[in-house]
C-alpha atoms as a PDB file:
ATOM      1  CA  UNK A   1      44.874  11.872  39.861  1.00  0.00           C
ATOM      2  CA  UNK A   2      48.281  11.877  38.204  1.00  0.00           C
ATOM      3  CA  UNK A   3      47.457  14.563  35.623  1.00  0.00           C
ATOM      4  CA  UNK A   4      48.021  17.449  38.077  1.00  0.00           C
ATOM      5  CA  UNK A   5      51.742  16.740  38.731  1.00  0.00           C
ATOM      6  CA  UNK A   6      52.235  16.061  35.028  1.00  0.00           C
ATOM      7  CA  UNK A   7      50.694  19.461  34.203  1.00  0.00           C
ATOM      8  CA  UNK A   8      53.145  21.138  36.589  1.00  0.00           C
ATOM      9  CA  UNK A   9      56.073  19.391  34.902  1.00  0.00           C
ATOM     10  CA  UNK A  10      54.903  20.544  31.459  1.00  0.00           C
ATOM     11  CA  UNK A  11      54.530  24.146  32.642  1.00  0.00           C
ATOM     12  CA  UNK A  12      57.960  24.001  34.322  1.00  0.00           C
ATOM     13  CA  UNK A  13      59.539  22.589  31.175  1.00  0.00           C
ATOM     14  CA  UNK A  14      57.985  25.333  29.054  1.00  0.00           C
ATOM     15  CA  UNK A  15      59.234  28.024  31.434  1.00  0.00           C
ATOM     16  CA  UNK A  16      62.737  26.601  31.416  1.00  0.00           C
ATOM     17  CA  UNK A  17      62.582  26.373  27.653  1.00  0.00           C
ATOM     18  CA  UNK A  18      62.117  30.124  27.313  1.00  0.00           C
ATOM     19  CA  UNK A  19      58.347  30.366  26.954  1.00  0.00           C
ATOM     20  CA  UNK A  20      56.679  33.308  28.660  1.00  0.00           C
ATOM     21  CA  UNK A  21      55.801  32.225  32.181  1.00  0.00           C
ATOM     22  CA  UNK A  22      53.636  34.860  33.632  1.00  0.00           C
ATOM     23  CA  UNK A  23      50.772  34.043  35.807  1.00  0.00           C
ATOM     24  CA  UNK A  24      47.532  34.967  34.059  1.00  0.00           C
ATOM     25  CA  UNK A  25      45.958  37.984  35.659  1.00  0.00           C
ATOM     26  CA  UNK A  26      42.528  37.494  37.110  1.00  0.00           C
ATOM     27  CA  UNK A  27      39.655  38.992  35.147  1.00  0.00           C
ATOM     28  CA  UNK A  28      38.869  42.557  36.148  1.00  0.00           C
ATOM     29  CA  UNK A  29      36.370  42.788  38.947  1.00  0.00           C
ATOM     30  CA  UNK A  30      32.957  44.143  38.104  1.00  0.00           C
ATOM     31  CA  UNK A  31      32.636  47.703  39.308  1.00  0.00           C
ATOM     32  CA  UNK A  32      30.813  47.792  42.582  1.00  0.00           C
ATOM     33  CA  UNK A  33      27.420  49.416  42.072  1.00  0.00           C
ATOM     34  CA  UNK A  34      27.040  52.527  44.123  1.00  0.00           C
ATOM     35  CA  UNK A  35      24.018  54.347  45.410  1.00  0.00           C
ATOM     36  CA  UNK A  36      25.803  57.659  44.955  1.00  0.00           C
ATOM     37  CA  UNK A  37      24.078  59.626  42.189  1.00  0.00           C
ATOM     38  CA  UNK A  38      25.893  61.867  39.775  1.00  0.00           C
ATOM     39  CA  UNK A  39      26.384  65.398  41.092  1.00  0.00           C
ATOM     40  CA  UNK A  40      23.612  67.876  40.361  1.00  0.00           C
ATOM     41  CA  UNK A  41      24.148  70.373  37.547  1.00  0.00           C
ATOM     42  CA  UNK A  42      25.563  73.734  38.618  1.00  0.00           C
ATOM     43  CA  UNK A  43      22.430  75.467  37.336  1.00  0.00           C
ATOM     44  CA  UNK A  44      20.029  73.383  39.448  1.00  0.00           C
ATOM     45  CA  UNK A  45      19.062  73.281  43.112  1.00  0.00           C
ATOM     46  CA  UNK A  46      16.628  71.524  45.433  1.00  0.00           C
ATOM     47  CA  UNK A  47      14.509  73.938  47.421  1.00  0.00           C
ATOM     48  CA  UNK A  48      13.405  73.321  50.992  1.00  0.00           C
ATOM     49  CA  UNK A  49      10.091  71.445  51.091  1.00  0.00           C
ATOM     50  CA  UNK A  50       8.602  74.260  53.180  1.00  0.00           C
ATOM     51  CA  UNK A  51       8.915  76.529  50.121  1.00  0.00           C
ATOM     52  CA  UNK A  52       6.861  74.302  47.815  1.00  0.00           C
ATOM     53  CA  UNK A  53       3.754  76.510  47.771  1.00  0.00           C
ATOM     54  CA  UNK A  54       5.793  79.623  46.950  1.00  0.00           C
ATOM     55  CA  UNK A  55       7.722  77.810  44.178  1.00  0.00           C
ATOM     56  CA  UNK A  56       4.606  76.412  42.544  1.00  0.00           C
ATOM     57  CA  UNK A  57       2.488  79.584  42.645  1.00  0.00           C
ATOM     58  CA  UNK A  58       3.513  81.532  39.572  1.00  0.00           C
ATOM     59  CA  UNK A  59       1.690  84.675  38.556  1.00  0.00           C
ATOM     60  CA  UNK A  60       1.445  84.154  34.791  1.00  0.00           C
ATOM     61  CA  UNK A  61       1.420  80.410  34.193  1.00  0.00           C
ATOM     62  CA  UNK A  62      -0.775  77.567  35.304  1.00  0.00           C
ATOM     63  CA  UNK A  63       0.399  75.812  38.443  1.00  0.00           C
ATOM     64  CA  UNK A  64      -0.595  72.451  39.905  1.00  0.00           C
ATOM     65  CA  UNK A  65      -2.863  72.208  42.930  1.00  0.00           C
ATOM     66  CA  UNK A  66      -0.698  70.708  45.659  1.00  0.00           C
ATOM     67  CA  UNK A  67      -1.698  68.717  48.730  1.00  0.00           C
ATOM     68  CA  UNK A  68       1.643  68.727  50.502  1.00  0.00           C
ATOM     69  CA  UNK A  69       5.393  68.701  50.057  1.00  0.00           C
ATOM     70  CA  UNK A  70       8.423  66.444  50.543  1.00  0.00           C
ATOM     71  CA  UNK A  71      12.166  66.513  49.872  1.00  0.00           C
ATOM     72  CA  UNK A  72      13.401  64.698  46.736  1.00  0.00           C
ATOM     73  CA  UNK A  73      16.353  62.359  47.252  1.00  0.00           C
ATOM     74  CA  UNK A  74      19.633  62.824  45.361  1.00  0.00           C
ATOM     75  CA  UNK A  75      18.671  59.733  43.329  1.00  0.00           C
ATOM     76  CA  UNK A  76      15.298  61.317  42.386  1.00  0.00           C
ATOM     77  CA  UNK A  77      17.095  64.450  41.211  1.00  0.00           C
ATOM     78  CA  UNK A  78      19.733  62.474  39.281  1.00  0.00           C
ATOM     79  CA  UNK A  79      16.998  60.567  37.454  1.00  0.00           C
ATOM     80  CA  UNK A  80      15.106  63.779  36.720  1.00  0.00           C
ATOM     81  CA  UNK A  81      18.227  65.405  35.273  1.00  0.00           C
ATOM     82  CA  UNK A  82      19.021  62.296  33.215  1.00  0.00           C
ATOM     83  CA  UNK A  83      15.519  62.537  31.728  1.00  0.00           C
ATOM     84  CA  UNK A  84      15.627  66.279  30.929  1.00  0.00           C
ATOM     85  CA  UNK A  85      16.232  65.658  27.188  1.00  0.00           C
ATOM     86  CA  UNK A  86      12.681  64.221  27.020  1.00  0.00           C
ATOM     87  CA  UNK A  87      11.393  67.782  27.460  1.00  0.00           C
ATOM     88  CA  UNK A  88      12.562  68.593  23.918  1.00  0.00           C
ATOM     89  CA  UNK A  89       9.820  66.331  22.574  1.00  0.00           C
ATOM     90  CA  UNK A  90       7.094  67.653  24.869  1.00  0.00           C
ATOM     91  CA  UNK A  91       4.697  70.436  23.929  1.00  0.00           C
ATOM     92  CA  UNK A  92       3.455  72.809  26.581  1.00  0.00           C
ATOM     93  CA  UNK A  93      -0.064  72.612  27.879  1.00  0.00           C
ATOM     94  CA  UNK A  94      -0.270  76.397  27.784  1.00  0.00           C
ATOM     95  CA  UNK A  95       2.098  79.092  26.611  1.00  0.00           C
ATOM     96  CA  UNK A  96       2.485  82.636  25.780  1.00  0.00           C
ATOM     97  CA  UNK A  97      -0.874  83.852  24.569  1.00  0.00           C
ATOM     98  CA  UNK A  98      -2.502  80.463  24.039  1.00  0.00           C
ATOM     99  CA  UNK A  99       0.013  78.847  21.677  1.00  0.00           C
ATOM    100  CA  UNK A 100       2.202  75.855  22.468  1.00  0.00           C
ATOM    101  CA  UNK A 101       5.971  75.823  22.974  1.00  0.00           C
ATOM    102  CA  UNK A 102       8.850  73.448  23.700  1.00  0.00           C
ATOM    103  CA  UNK A 103      11.958  73.510  25.845  1.00  0.00           C
ATOM    104  CA  UNK A 104      14.683  73.284  23.196  1.00  0.00           C
ATOM    105  CA  UNK A 105      17.629  73.217  25.624  1.00  0.00           C
ATOM    106  CA  UNK A 106      16.828  72.473  29.284  1.00  0.00           C
ATOM    107  CA  UNK A 107      20.440  73.227  30.242  1.00  0.00           C
ATOM    108  CA  UNK A 108      19.973  76.850  29.152  1.00  0.00           C
ATOM    109  CA  UNK A 109      17.836  77.404  32.270  1.00  0.00           C
ATOM    110  CA  UNK A 110      18.350  77.640  35.993  1.00  0.00           C
ATOM    111  CA  UNK A 111      16.169  74.958  37.574  1.00  0.00           C
ATOM    112  CA  UNK A 112      14.650  74.814  41.041  1.00  0.00           C
ATOM    113  CA  UNK A 113      13.347  71.416  42.182  1.00  0.00           C
ATOM    114  CA  UNK A 114      10.801  71.033  44.956  1.00  0.00           C
ATOM    115  CA  UNK A 115       8.844  67.965  46.043  1.00  0.00           C
ATOM    116  CA  UNK A 116       5.065  68.322  45.895  1.00  0.00           C
ATOM    117  CA  UNK A 117       2.121  65.988  46.387  1.00  0.00           C
ATOM    118  CA  UNK A 118      -0.471  66.176  43.607  1.00  0.00           C
ATOM    119  CA  UNK A 119      -3.391  63.772  43.413  1.00  0.00           C
ATOM    120  CA  UNK A 120      -1.827  61.679  46.171  1.00  0.00           C
ATOM    121  CA  UNK A 121       1.414  61.191  44.181  1.00  0.00           C
ATOM    122  CA  UNK A 122       4.868  62.446  45.138  1.00  0.00           C
ATOM    123  CA  UNK A 123       6.065  64.558  42.214  1.00  0.00           C
ATOM    124  CA  UNK A 124       8.855  67.062  41.671  1.00  0.00           C
ATOM    125  CA  UNK A 125       7.972  70.514  40.419  1.00  0.00           C
ATOM    126  CA  UNK A 126      10.610  72.119  38.222  1.00  0.00           C
ATOM    127  CA  UNK A 127      10.588  75.913  38.258  1.00  0.00           C
ATOM    128  CA  UNK A 128      12.877  77.063  35.424  1.00  0.00           C
ATOM    129  CA  UNK A 129      14.099  80.436  34.251  1.00  0.00           C
ATOM    130  CA  UNK A 130      16.575  81.553  31.598  1.00  0.00           C
ATOM    131  CA  UNK A 131      20.238  81.668  32.587  1.00  0.00           C
ATOM    132  CA  UNK A 132      20.425  85.296  31.489  1.00  0.00           C
ATOM    133  CA  UNK A 133      17.688  86.315  33.969  1.00  0.00           C
ATOM    134  CA  UNK A 134      20.205  87.974  36.313  1.00  0.00           C
ATOM    135  CA  UNK A 135      22.404  89.431  33.579  1.00  0.00           C
ATOM    136  CA  UNK A 136      21.439  93.060  34.174  1.00  0.00           C
ATOM    137  CA  UNK A 137      21.105  92.922  37.961  1.00  0.00           C
ATOM    138  CA  UNK A 138      23.956  94.082  40.165  1.00  0.00           C
ATOM    139  CA  UNK A 139      25.348  91.016  41.946  1.00  0.00           C
ATOM    140  CA  UNK A 140      24.469  92.461  45.370  1.00  0.00           C
ATOM    141  CA  UNK A 141      20.791  92.745  44.375  1.00  0.00           C
ATOM    142  CA  UNK A 142      20.401  89.297  42.843  1.00  0.00           C
ATOM    143  CA  UNK A 143      17.988  86.983  44.624  1.00  0.00           C
ATOM    144  CA  UNK A 144      19.456  83.809  46.068  1.00  0.00           C
ATOM    145  CA  UNK A 145      17.942  81.480  43.489  1.00  0.00           C
ATOM    146  CA  UNK A 146      19.469  78.433  45.196  1.00  0.00           C
ATOM    147  CA  UNK A 147      17.393  79.048  48.337  1.00  0.00           C
ATOM    148  CA  UNK A 148      14.461  81.280  47.331  1.00  0.00           C
ATOM    149  CA  UNK A 149      11.701  80.351  44.877  1.00  0.00           C
ATOM    150  CA  UNK A 150      11.764  82.627  41.852  1.00  0.00           C
ATOM    151  CA  UNK A 151       8.484  84.058  40.641  1.00  0.00           C
ATOM    152  CA  UNK A 152       8.440  86.121  37.471  1.00  0.00           C
ATOM    153  CA  UNK A 153       5.331  87.533  35.852  1.00  0.00           C
ATOM    154  CA  UNK A 154       5.240  87.259  32.082  1.00  0.00           C
ATOM    155  CA  UNK A 155       8.509  86.607  30.245  1.00  0.00           C
ATOM    156  CA  UNK A 156       7.130  84.010  27.836  1.00  0.00           C
ATOM    157  CA  UNK A 157       9.345  81.104  26.895  1.00  0.00           C
ATOM    158  CA  UNK A 158      12.151  82.245  29.203  1.00  0.00           C
ATOM    159  CA  UNK A 159      10.199  80.914  32.209  1.00  0.00           C
ATOM    160  CA  UNK A 160       8.508  77.547  32.549  1.00  0.00           C
ATOM    161  CA  UNK A 161       7.433  74.863  34.976  1.00  0.00           C
ATOM    162  CA  UNK A 162       6.828  71.142  34.673  1.00  0.00           C
ATOM    163  CA  UNK A 163       5.955  68.210  36.928  1.00  0.00           C
ATOM    164  CA  UNK A 164       8.212  65.156  37.089  1.00  0.00           C
ATOM    165  CA  UNK A 165       7.058  61.778  38.392  1.00  0.00           C
ATOM    166  CA  UNK A 166      10.113  60.083  39.945  1.00  0.00           C
ATOM    167  CA  UNK A 167       8.361  56.707  40.087  1.00  0.00           C
ATOM    168  CA  UNK A 168       7.367  56.676  36.412  1.00  0.00           C
ATOM    169  CA  UNK A 169      10.278  58.882  35.309  1.00  0.00           C
ATOM    170  CA  UNK A 170       8.006  61.034  33.159  1.00  0.00           C
ATOM    171  CA  UNK A 171       7.214  64.733  32.817  1.00  0.00           C
ATOM    172  CA  UNK A 172       3.749  66.266  32.582  1.00  0.00           C
ATOM    173  CA  UNK A 173       1.992  69.634  32.611  1.00  0.00           C
ATOM    174  CA  UNK A 174       4.666  71.739  30.931  1.00  0.00           C
ATOM    175  CA  UNK A 175       3.591  75.390  31.146  1.00  0.00           C
ATOM    176  CA  UNK A 176       5.332  78.609  30.107  1.00  0.00           C
ATOM    177  CA  UNK A 177       4.782  82.099  31.479  1.00  0.00           C
ATOM    178  CA  UNK A 178       2.491  84.454  29.666  1.00  0.00           C
ATOM    179  CA  UNK A 179       3.945  87.267  27.634  1.00  0.00           C
ATOM    180  CA  UNK A 180       3.195  90.914  28.295  1.00  0.00           C
END
């Protein structure tokens, strides 16, 4: 086992001879995975599970038949929001006088999330309405959209709902409001 002391002598000789003698830095540590999801978008909120029936029952679009409610986790919501671009490719089941429609820009809408049970599966219902919905309302009269389900009759493509399956990470049953 003589090579170890010899190696030290070679390194010492190199250092004394003017070669750079810095200790190699250890490789960077892998980032520690965290269970903390990304923060929710400022135009989205999770409604209390007790408000599920009110959020789902819309007066001019088809709504799912629910069997119960639950509260989505921050991770469920983060995954839902990460998958929102998939809505651009999805056609509605029903829209605006019988034709189909798409959600071109999900971020252009306020979104309320509420956990529902449909067909024995825990899903998240997304109740969405255009960001300009409150534009003409005095601030004092605006509903608290972060805590109260919003129900709007008619309005066409400015109002829609969709189911999200957090286990499968897929959307289904996209429906828009009717138009007056």
